[in-house]
């Protein structure tokens, strides 16, 4: 019995010791937890700024606004950040008009009791600086894009640039649509060559089209050089003019020298019959 009480006393003592250690550890962390968190945030901000994020000042620059947002997302892909941290970091590089806009927008969202997530920030940002009507115009520009006089490489670059305004075209399950749209914008001679191959990998499609375009340019350049070479040294001589030395009249015939004209009335050289004085005498 006494042995049993001894074991219980030992267990209680061990439990109290563990609790005391836990409390001491928590108190120790409590004294420095806030400081550690602040240091972590400073390090995160320092790392963010080392990526040289561009400052956004607002004003009407829709494509500049979109480029700025995309640059922020590119930095965040290289950092471990949660929603709250992304919003705090990205708003750190807002300035002037954009900073005033975010101050009032943040106040409005907080007053409604809604959470300020990274997605919410992006939606508010685009609504302000890249409104829907402009996004629709860019989408229409993409849908109507044709190769025209561009090279395949230039057309592909323009295609990729405008495709960001149609996010669905870059979805994982939209590869076929992306390829078909690109094919339909090609010049007829390239389209006729490539469409029968039914290439459904975009990078491969662009590569094959560019190869064909380069080959066509080389072929046309070759034949032009051959034709130019054939034409050299084969200039046609001037046609022989039987009436060389004589002036031509307006109608294209030879202009006769009046001194050689003989009047059929008086048979004297030097004038025409209608100018003859003999008939007047």
Protein backbone atom coordinates (compact mmCIF):
# COMPACT_ATOMS: atom_id res chain seq x y z
CA UNK A 1 0.00 0.00 0.00
CA UNK A 2 2.74 2.30 1.01
CA UNK A 3 4.66 1.34 -2.14
CA UNK A 4 1.62 2.25 -4.21
CA UNK A 5 1.46 5.70 -2.60
CA UNK A 6 5.12 6.19 -3.34
CA UNK A 7 4.65 5.48 -6.99
CA UNK A 8 1.70 7.90 -7.13
CA UNK A 9 3.72 10.60 -5.43
CA UNK A 10 6.51 10.13 -7.95
CA UNK A 11 4.07 10.35 -10.88
CA UNK A 12 2.49 13.51 -9.49
CA UNK A 13 5.89 15.09 -8.92
CA UNK A 14 6.95 14.26 -12.48
CA UNK A 15 3.75 15.71 -13.90
CA UNK A 16 4.16 18.92 -11.87
CA UNK A 17 7.74 19.23 -13.08
CA UNK A 18 6.65 18.84 -16.71
CA UNK A 19 3.94 21.47 -16.25
CA UNK A 20 6.43 23.86 -14.65
CA UNK A 21 8.87 23.38 -17.52
CA UNK A 22 6.13 23.98 -20.08
CA UNK A 23 5.02 27.14 -18.30
CA UNK A 24 8.58 28.38 -18.10
CA UNK A 25 9.08 27.70 -21.79
CA UNK A 26 5.86 29.46 -22.74
CA UNK A 27 6.79 32.44 -20.57
CA UNK A 28 10.18 32.57 -22.21
CA UNK A 29 8.65 32.49 -25.65
CA UNK A 30 6.07 35.04 -24.64
CA UNK A 31 8.77 37.46 -23.73
CA UNK A 32 10.42 37.19 -27.11
CA UNK A 33 7.67 35.91 -29.42
CA UNK A 34 6.53 39.33 -30.54
CA UNK A 35 10.11 40.43 -31.10
CA UNK A 36 10.87 37.28 -33.12
CA UNK A 37 7.80 37.79 -35.25
CA UNK A 38 8.75 41.39 -35.94
CA UNK A 39 12.25 40.34 -36.95
CA UNK A 40 10.79 37.69 -39.28
CA UNK A 41 8.59 40.29 -40.95
CA UNK A 42 11.55 42.62 -41.38
CA UNK A 43 13.57 39.84 -42.97
CA UNK A 44 10.67 39.01 -45.29
CA UNK A 45 10.34 42.67 -46.30
CA UNK A 46 14.08 42.89 -46.88
CA UNK A 47 13.97 39.80 -49.11
CA UNK A 48 11.01 41.24 -50.99
CA UNK A 49 12.80 44.54 -51.61
CA UNK A 50 15.95 42.74 -52.80
CA UNK A 51 13.82 41.53 -55.73
CA UNK A 52 13.50 45.20 -56.74
CA UNK A 53 9.68 45.40 -56.91
CA UNK A 54 8.60 48.39 -59.03
CA UNK A 55 6.68 51.17 -57.35
CA UNK A 56 3.16 51.74 -58.62
CA UNK A 57 1.90 55.32 -58.49
CA UNK A 58 -1.51 54.85 -60.08
CA UNK A 59 -2.85 57.10 -62.81
CA UNK A 60 -4.37 55.84 -66.07
CA UNK A 61 -1.98 53.22 -67.41
CA UNK A 62 -3.96 49.96 -67.82
CA UNK A 63 -1.20 47.85 -69.36
CA UNK A 64 1.34 49.27 -66.92
CA UNK A 65 -0.97 48.29 -64.05
CA UNK A 66 -1.28 44.75 -65.36
CA UNK A 67 2.48 44.47 -65.82
CA UNK A 68 3.01 45.69 -62.25
CA UNK A 69 0.58 43.12 -60.85
CA UNK A 70 2.27 40.33 -62.80
CA UNK A 71 5.69 41.40 -61.54
CA UNK A 72 4.38 41.15 -57.95
CA UNK A 73 3.09 37.65 -58.60
CA UNK A 74 6.44 36.66 -60.11
CA UNK A 75 8.24 37.75 -56.93
CA UNK A 76 5.78 35.88 -54.72
CA UNK A 77 6.39 32.68 -56.67
CA UNK A 78 9.95 32.84 -55.35
CA UNK A 79 8.90 33.55 -51.75
CA UNK A 80 7.03 31.65 -49.06
CA UNK A 81 4.19 33.99 -48.13
CA UNK A 82 0.60 33.72 -47.02
CA UNK A 83 -2.30 35.93 -48.13
CA UNK A 84 -1.90 38.51 -45.37
CA UNK A 85 1.84 38.86 -45.99
CA UNK A 86 1.36 39.29 -49.75
CA UNK A 87 -1.09 42.14 -49.24
CA UNK A 88 1.18 43.90 -46.75
CA UNK A 89 4.23 43.54 -48.97
CA UNK A 90 2.57 44.62 -52.19
CA UNK A 91 0.92 47.67 -50.63
CA UNK A 92 4.34 48.70 -49.32
CA UNK A 93 5.32 49.69 -52.88
CA UNK A 94 2.18 51.67 -53.66
CA UNK A 95 2.82 55.40 -53.84
CA UNK A 96 1.09 58.73 -54.47
CA UNK A 97 -2.39 58.32 -56.01
CA UNK A 98 -2.29 54.52 -55.71
CA UNK A 99 -1.47 54.70 -52.01
CA UNK A 100 -4.39 57.09 -51.40
CA UNK A 101 -6.67 54.72 -53.32
CA UNK A 102 -5.64 51.71 -51.23
CA UNK A 103 -6.05 53.56 -47.92
CA UNK A 104 -9.69 54.34 -48.69
CA UNK A 105 -10.35 50.93 -50.25
CA UNK A 106 -8.88 49.10 -47.25
CA UNK A 107 -11.01 51.17 -44.89
CA UNK A 108 -14.13 50.34 -46.90
CA UNK A 109 -13.43 46.59 -46.92
CA UNK A 110 -12.64 46.50 -43.20
CA UNK A 111 -15.84 48.43 -42.43
CA UNK A 112 -17.85 45.74 -44.22
CA UNK A 113 -16.23 43.05 -42.08
CA UNK A 114 -14.76 41.22 -45.08
CA UNK A 115 -11.29 39.69 -45.14
CA UNK A 116 -8.60 41.37 -47.21
CA UNK A 117 -7.12 38.47 -49.13
CA UNK A 118 -4.60 38.56 -51.95
CA UNK A 119 -7.34 37.62 -54.43
CA UNK A 120 -9.55 40.42 -53.09
CA UNK A 121 -6.71 42.92 -53.44
CA UNK A 122 -6.09 41.89 -57.07
CA UNK A 123 -9.78 42.15 -57.93
CA UNK A 124 -10.03 45.63 -56.41
CA UNK A 125 -6.79 46.69 -58.08
CA UNK A 126 -7.87 45.58 -61.56
CA UNK A 127 -11.33 47.09 -61.13
CA UNK A 128 -9.66 50.44 -60.44
CA UNK A 129 -6.67 50.43 -62.80
CA UNK A 130 -7.63 47.99 -65.56
CA UNK A 131 -11.43 48.20 -65.85
CA UNK A 132 -13.52 45.56 -67.56
CA UNK A 133 -14.22 47.51 -70.76
CA UNK A 134 -10.48 47.76 -71.49
CA UNK A 135 -9.96 44.07 -70.71
CA UNK A 136 -12.76 43.28 -73.18
CA UNK A 137 -11.04 45.32 -75.89
CA UNK A 138 -7.78 43.48 -75.34
CA UNK A 139 -9.60 40.16 -75.46
CA UNK A 140 -11.23 41.16 -78.76
CA UNK A 141 -7.81 42.19 -80.12
CA UNK A 142 -6.52 38.72 -79.27
CA UNK A 143 -9.48 36.93 -80.83
CA UNK A 144 -9.09 38.96 -84.06
CA UNK A 145 -5.31 38.63 -84.25
CA UNK A 146 -3.93 37.59 -87.67
CA UNK A 147 -0.36 37.05 -88.82
CA UNK A 148 -0.55 39.48 -91.74
CA UNK A 149 2.90 40.79 -92.65
CA UNK A 150 4.49 39.56 -89.41
CA UNK A 151 6.95 36.70 -89.36
CA UNK A 152 5.86 33.56 -87.52
CA UNK A 153 8.15 34.48 -84.62
CA UNK A 154 6.63 37.97 -84.38
CA UNK A 155 3.11 36.59 -84.67
CA UNK A 156 3.76 34.02 -81.91
CA UNK A 157 5.18 36.71 -79.60
CA UNK A 158 2.14 38.95 -80.17
CA UNK A 159 -0.15 35.95 -79.67
CA UNK A 160 1.43 35.14 -76.29
CA UNK A 161 1.36 38.77 -75.22
CA UNK A 162 -2.37 39.17 -75.92
CA UNK A 163 -3.33 35.71 -74.67
CA UNK A 164 -2.91 36.90 -71.08
CA UNK A 165 -6.13 38.85 -71.57
CA UNK A 166 -7.90 35.52 -72.24
CA UNK A 167 -6.85 33.36 -69.28
CA UNK A 168 -9.02 30.47 -70.45
CA UNK A 169 -6.87 29.99 -73.56
CA UNK A 170 -3.90 29.09 -71.33
CA UNK A 171 -5.79 26.63 -69.15
CA UNK A 172 -4.48 23.06 -68.95
CA UNK A 173 -7.43 21.66 -70.87
CA UNK A 174 -7.37 24.38 -73.56
CA UNK A 175 -4.26 23.33 -75.51
CA UNK A 176 -6.28 22.25 -78.57
CA UNK A 177 -8.17 25.56 -78.66
CA UNK A 178 -4.92 27.50 -78.29
CA UNK A 179 -3.36 25.66 -81.24
CA UNK A 180 -6.44 25.94 -83.47
CA UNK A 181 -6.72 29.68 -82.77
CA UNK A 182 -3.05 30.15 -83.68
CA UNK A 183 -3.45 28.14 -86.91
CA UNK A 184 -6.48 30.14 -88.02
CA UNK A 185 -4.50 33.37 -87.81
CA UNK A 186 -1.65 32.16 -90.04
CA UNK A 187 -1.15 33.35 -93.59
CA UNK A 188 -2.89 31.04 -96.12
CA UNK A 189 0.30 29.46 -97.52
CA UNK A 190 1.50 28.49 -94.02
CA UNK A 191 -1.94 27.39 -92.87
CA UNK A 192 -2.36 25.11 -95.90
CA UNK A 193 0.94 23.44 -95.09
CA UNK A 194 0.47 23.08 -91.32
CA UNK A 195 -3.24 22.34 -90.81
CA UNK A 196 -3.03 18.78 -92.18
CA UNK A 197 -0.45 17.84 -89.54
CA UNK A 198 -2.93 18.55 -86.70
CA UNK A 199 -0.20 19.55 -84.23
CA UNK A 200 -1.75 20.02 -80.81
CA UNK A 201 1.29 21.04 -78.78
CA UNK A 202 1.65 24.82 -78.96
CA UNK A 203 5.45 25.06 -78.77
CA UNK A 204 5.83 22.36 -81.44
CA UNK A 205 3.26 24.11 -83.64
CA UNK A 206 5.09 27.44 -83.47
CA UNK A 207 8.42 25.72 -84.14
CA UNK A 208 7.15 23.93 -87.26
CA UNK A 209 5.47 27.07 -88.61
CA UNK A 210 8.64 29.08 -88.10
CA UNK A 211 10.71 26.43 -89.92
CA UNK A 212 8.31 26.52 -92.89
CA UNK A 213 8.30 30.32 -92.93
CA UNK A 214 12.11 30.45 -92.92
CA UNK A 215 12.30 27.83 -95.68
CA UNK A 216 9.83 29.81 -97.83
CA UNK A 217 11.83 33.00 -97.39
CA UNK A 218 15.03 31.17 -98.36
CA UNK A 219 13.33 29.68 -101.44
CA UNK A 220 11.98 33.06 -102.59
CA UNK A 221 15.37 34.66 -102.00
CA UNK A 222 17.08 31.98 -104.08
CA UNK A 223 14.78 32.38 -107.09
CA UNK A 224 15.01 36.15 -106.91
CA UNK A 225 18.79 35.95 -106.97
CA UNK A 226 18.69 33.57 -109.94
CA UNK A 227 16.34 35.83 -111.89
CA UNK A 228 18.42 38.90 -111.10
CA UNK A 229 21.53 37.09 -112.31
CA UNK A 230 19.85 36.06 -115.57
CA UNK A 231 18.73 39.61 -116.22
CA UNK A 232 22.24 41.06 -115.91
CA UNK A 233 24.06 41.80 -119.19
CA UNK A 234 20.99 41.23 -121.33
CA UNK A 235 19.82 44.77 -121.85
CA UNK A 236 17.96 45.25 -125.07
CA UNK A 237 19.56 47.69 -127.56
CA UNK A 238 17.63 50.67 -128.82
CA UNK A 239 15.57 49.92 -131.88
CA UNK A 240 17.04 51.15 -135.17
CA UNK A 241 15.35 54.30 -136.37
CA UNK A 242 15.31 54.64 -140.13
CA UNK A 243 14.50 58.31 -139.80
CA UNK A 244 17.41 58.96 -137.42
CA UNK A 245 18.27 62.61 -137.36
CA UNK A 246 14.80 63.76 -138.31
CA UNK A 247 12.47 65.38 -135.86
CA UNK A 248 9.15 63.71 -135.15
CA UNK A 249 5.87 65.52 -135.32
CA UNK A 250 3.21 65.22 -132.67
CA UNK A 251 1.44 62.45 -134.55
CA UNK A 252 4.57 60.31 -134.57
CA UNK A 253 5.57 60.81 -138.29
CA UNK A 254 8.73 62.52 -139.60
CA UNK A 255 8.69 66.28 -139.52
CA UNK A 256 9.62 67.48 -143.07
CA UNK A 257 12.03 70.36 -143.55
CA UNK A 258 10.11 73.22 -145.27
CA UNK A 259 13.12 74.05 -147.40
CA UNK A 260 12.74 70.68 -149.12
CA UNK A 261 9.03 71.18 -149.92
CA UNK A 262 8.15 71.90 -153.58
CA UNK A 263 4.93 73.75 -154.38
CA UNK A 264 2.91 71.78 -156.96
CA UNK A 265 1.46 75.06 -158.38
CA UNK A 266 4.63 76.96 -159.10
CA UNK A 267 7.09 74.08 -158.71
CA UNK A 268 9.32 76.26 -156.55
CA UNK A 269 10.95 74.92 -153.35
CA UNK A 270 10.38 76.50 -149.98
CA UNK A 271 6.63 76.61 -149.46
CA UNK A 272 3.40 74.62 -149.61
CA UNK A 273 0.74 75.13 -152.31
CA UNK A 274 -1.67 76.80 -149.90
CA UNK A 275 1.00 79.39 -149.21
CA UNK A 276 1.76 79.94 -152.92
CA UNK A 277 1.49 83.56 -154.13
CA UNK A 278 1.19 82.61 -157.76
CA UNK A 279 -2.49 81.95 -157.54
CA UNK A 280 -3.05 85.40 -156.00
CA UNK A 281 -1.54 87.32 -158.90
